[in-house]
Amino acid sequence: MLLFKSIPLVSMAVMAIGVGFAAALAPGEAFAANFKIGFVSTERILRDAGPAKAAQKKLETEFAKREKEVQDLAARLRGISEKLERDAPVMSEAERGKRQREITDMERDLQRRQREFREDLNQRRNEELAAVVERANRAIKQIAEAEKYDIIFQEAVYASPGIDITEKVIRALNGPAGTK
């Protein structure tokens, strides 16, 4: 009895928790030996898979004209601003004010167009990537069922290369069935 009084109460609680974990893990070790785990890097799929690359090209094509229009407007605005800066000393106050207002209006228009372009591009990118992720998830599920995986993770701090099935998923997406 004297032995227990010399051990602080906190230490006894830690020992009890440790014994509880050890008891809980013992039967789980046999279970873990039959447990098949996989890991998939969504980032790699969205970067390397054929459908992801096709979606990126589709977006580039779809938004190329608007991007060029925004770039042209920005170039025009730079040109007008530089011309005003050069000509300002010989202009009347009224003319200078008028040109400055035109530049301010053009800047506002450019900012609005840039913002709309970014918003539209981001929305379409999210739509396209969601479709790729959905197809990837179907491929992952097919692989999991065919190869009898118990669980497949898509996010992890660390995953051993031995459980990484990303390449299988990319091949499935790039194959004839994955290009639909």
Protein backbone atom coordinates (compact mmCIF):
# COMPACT_ATOMS: atom_id res chain seq x y z
CA MET A 1 0.00 0.00 0.00
CA LEU A 2 2.88 2.33 0.70
CA LEU A 3 4.03 1.94 -2.91
CA PHE A 4 0.84 3.50 -4.36
CA LYS A 5 0.94 6.48 -2.01
CA SER A 6 4.39 7.46 -3.29
CA ILE A 7 3.26 7.55 -6.96
CA PRO A 8 1.50 10.81 -7.85
CA LEU A 9 -2.12 10.52 -8.96
CA VAL A 10 -1.30 11.93 -12.43
CA SER A 11 1.33 9.25 -13.03
CA MET A 12 -1.17 6.52 -12.12
CA ALA A 13 -3.66 8.00 -14.59
CA VAL A 14 -1.03 8.05 -17.37
CA MET A 15 -0.11 4.43 -16.61
CA ALA A 16 -3.77 3.42 -16.74
CA ILE A 17 -4.23 5.13 -20.12
CA GLY A 18 -1.10 3.45 -21.45
CA VAL A 19 -2.29 0.03 -20.32
CA GLY A 20 -5.68 0.74 -21.92
CA PHE A 21 -4.07 1.63 -25.26
CA ALA A 22 -1.91 -1.47 -25.18
CA ALA A 23 -4.95 -3.64 -24.54
CA ALA A 24 -6.92 -1.95 -27.31
CA LEU A 25 -4.10 -2.33 -29.85
CA ALA A 26 -3.42 -6.01 -29.23
CA PRO A 27 -6.53 -7.31 -31.05
CA GLY A 28 -6.22 -4.52 -33.66
CA GLU A 29 -2.81 -5.72 -34.81
CA ALA A 30 -4.35 -8.89 -36.25
CA PHE A 31 -7.04 -6.79 -37.92
CA ALA A 32 -4.49 -4.34 -39.37
CA ALA A 33 -2.60 -7.16 -41.06
CA ASN A 34 -5.67 -7.83 -43.28
CA PHE A 35 -6.44 -4.17 -43.86
CA LYS A 36 -5.60 -2.80 -47.34
CA ILE A 37 -4.93 0.95 -47.50
CA GLY A 38 -4.32 3.18 -50.49
CA PHE A 39 -3.46 6.81 -51.07
CA VAL A 40 -4.17 9.10 -54.03
CA SER A 41 -2.63 12.53 -54.64
CA THR A 42 -5.43 14.72 -55.97
CA GLU A 43 -2.88 17.42 -56.76
CA ARG A 44 -0.96 15.08 -59.09
CA ILE A 45 -4.18 13.96 -60.77
CA LEU A 46 -5.21 17.57 -61.42
CA ARG A 47 -1.75 18.30 -62.80
CA ASP A 48 -0.88 15.11 -64.76
CA ALA A 49 -4.07 13.34 -65.84
CA GLY A 50 -5.20 13.70 -69.46
CA PRO A 51 -8.68 15.01 -68.61
CA ALA A 52 -7.16 17.69 -66.35
CA LYS A 53 -4.78 18.79 -69.11
CA ALA A 54 -7.65 18.81 -71.61
CA ALA A 55 -9.74 20.94 -69.24
CA GLN A 56 -6.86 23.42 -68.91
CA LYS A 57 -6.51 23.68 -72.70
CA LYS A 58 -10.27 24.11 -73.04
CA LEU A 59 -10.20 26.99 -70.55
CA GLU A 60 -7.25 28.63 -72.30
CA THR A 61 -9.09 28.47 -75.62
CA GLU A 62 -12.37 29.64 -74.12
CA PHE A 63 -10.83 32.65 -72.37
CA ALA A 64 -8.08 33.61 -74.85
CA LYS A 65 -10.17 36.26 -76.63
CA ARG A 66 -11.26 37.98 -73.41
CA GLU A 67 -7.74 37.86 -72.03
CA LYS A 68 -6.44 39.52 -75.20
CA GLU A 69 -9.14 42.22 -74.97
CA VAL A 70 -8.15 43.01 -71.38
CA GLN A 71 -4.45 43.12 -72.32
CA ASP A 72 -5.20 45.40 -75.29
CA LEU A 73 -7.23 47.76 -73.11
CA ALA A 74 -4.37 47.89 -70.57
CA ALA A 75 -1.88 48.68 -73.36
CA ARG A 76 -4.16 51.39 -74.76
CA LEU A 77 -4.51 52.91 -71.29
CA ARG A 78 -0.71 52.93 -70.83
CA GLY A 79 -0.31 54.64 -74.19
CA ILE A 80 -2.88 57.34 -73.42
CA SER A 81 -1.37 57.91 -69.96
CA GLU A 82 2.12 58.29 -71.42
CA LYS A 83 0.81 60.69 -74.08
CA LEU A 84 -0.91 62.80 -71.41
CA GLU A 85 2.31 62.88 -69.39
CA ARG A 86 4.30 64.03 -72.44
CA ASP A 87 1.74 66.58 -73.64
CA ALA A 88 0.58 67.91 -70.25
CA PRO A 89 2.95 70.90 -70.14
CA VAL A 90 1.55 72.33 -73.42
CA MET A 91 -2.13 71.53 -72.75
CA SER A 92 -4.71 73.85 -71.32
CA GLU A 93 -5.99 73.12 -67.81
CA ALA A 94 -9.42 72.18 -69.20
CA GLU A 95 -7.96 69.78 -71.80
CA ARG A 96 -5.68 68.19 -69.21
CA GLY A 97 -8.65 67.69 -66.82
CA LYS A 98 -10.74 66.17 -69.62
CA ARG A 99 -7.97 63.69 -70.56
CA GLN A 100 -7.39 62.81 -66.89
CA ARG A 101 -11.11 62.00 -66.49
CA GLU A 102 -10.97 59.82 -69.63
CA ILE A 103 -7.99 57.96 -68.18
CA THR A 104 -9.77 57.53 -64.84
CA ASP A 105 -12.84 56.14 -66.63
CA MET A 106 -10.64 53.77 -68.66
CA GLU A 107 -8.84 52.61 -65.49
CA ARG A 108 -12.19 51.89 -63.84
CA ASP A 109 -13.37 50.00 -66.93
CA LEU A 110 -10.11 48.01 -67.05
CA GLN A 111 -10.37 47.07 -63.38
CA ARG A 112 -14.00 45.98 -63.86
CA ARG A 113 -13.10 43.86 -66.89
CA GLN A 114 -10.11 42.30 -65.11
CA ARG A 115 -12.26 41.45 -62.09
CA GLU A 116 -15.04 39.95 -64.25
CA PHE A 117 -12.46 38.00 -66.25
CA ARG A 118 -10.87 36.54 -63.10
CA GLU A 119 -14.26 35.69 -61.57
CA ASP A 120 -15.52 34.01 -64.74
CA LEU A 121 -12.25 32.13 -65.24
CA ASN A 122 -12.22 30.92 -61.63
CA GLN A 123 -15.83 29.80 -61.85
CA ARG A 124 -15.22 27.87 -65.08
CA ARG A 125 -11.96 26.40 -63.73
CA ASN A 126 -13.82 25.18 -60.63
CA GLU A 127 -16.51 23.62 -62.84
CA GLU A 128 -13.96 21.87 -65.05
CA LEU A 129 -11.86 20.66 -62.11
CA ALA A 130 -14.96 19.42 -60.29
CA ALA A 131 -15.77 17.27 -63.33
CA VAL A 132 -12.21 15.88 -63.36
CA VAL A 133 -12.35 15.16 -59.61
CA GLU A 134 -15.70 13.43 -60.04
CA ARG A 135 -14.27 11.20 -62.78
CA ALA A 136 -11.17 10.54 -60.65
CA ASN A 137 -13.36 9.55 -57.71
CA ARG A 138 -15.24 7.08 -59.92
CA ALA A 139 -11.90 5.63 -61.10
CA ILE A 140 -10.66 5.41 -57.50
CA LYS A 141 -13.82 3.60 -56.45
CA GLN A 142 -13.47 1.11 -59.34
CA ILE A 143 -9.85 0.42 -58.44
CA ALA A 144 -10.75 0.08 -54.76
CA GLU A 145 -13.49 -2.44 -55.52
CA ALA A 146 -11.46 -4.39 -58.08
CA GLU A 147 -8.36 -4.61 -55.89
CA LYS A 148 -10.25 -4.99 -52.59
CA TYR A 149 -9.01 -1.85 -50.81
CA ASP A 150 -10.58 -1.20 -47.43
CA ILE A 151 -9.88 2.53 -47.52
CA ILE A 152 -8.23 5.03 -49.86
CA PHE A 153 -7.12 8.44 -48.59
CA GLN A 154 -6.89 11.54 -50.75
CA GLU A 155 -5.26 13.80 -48.16
CA ALA A 156 -2.39 12.85 -45.89
CA VAL A 157 0.58 14.47 -44.25
CA TYR A 158 2.66 11.49 -45.29
CA ALA A 159 1.93 8.42 -47.38
CA SER A 160 4.36 5.62 -48.11
CA PRO A 161 5.07 5.11 -51.81
CA GLY A 162 3.97 1.50 -51.28
CA ILE A 163 0.34 2.54 -50.79
CA ASP A 164 0.27 5.35 -53.39
CA ILE A 165 -2.07 4.35 -56.23
CA THR A 166 -2.11 7.76 -57.93
CA GLU A 167 -0.40 6.41 -61.05
CA LYS A 168 -3.08 3.70 -61.41
CA VAL A 169 -5.79 6.35 -61.20
CA ILE A 170 -4.04 8.54 -63.79
CA ARG A 171 -3.71 5.54 -66.13
CA ALA A 172 -7.40 4.77 -65.64
CA LEU A 173 -8.33 8.38 -66.45
CA ASN A 174 -6.02 8.49 -69.48
CA GLY A 175 -7.28 5.16 -70.82
CA PRO A 176 -10.06 4.77 -73.38
CA ALA A 177 -12.78 4.63 -70.70
CA GLY A 178 -11.32 7.66 -68.90
CA THR A 179 -11.39 9.99 -71.91
CA LYS A 180 -15.18 10.18 -72.14
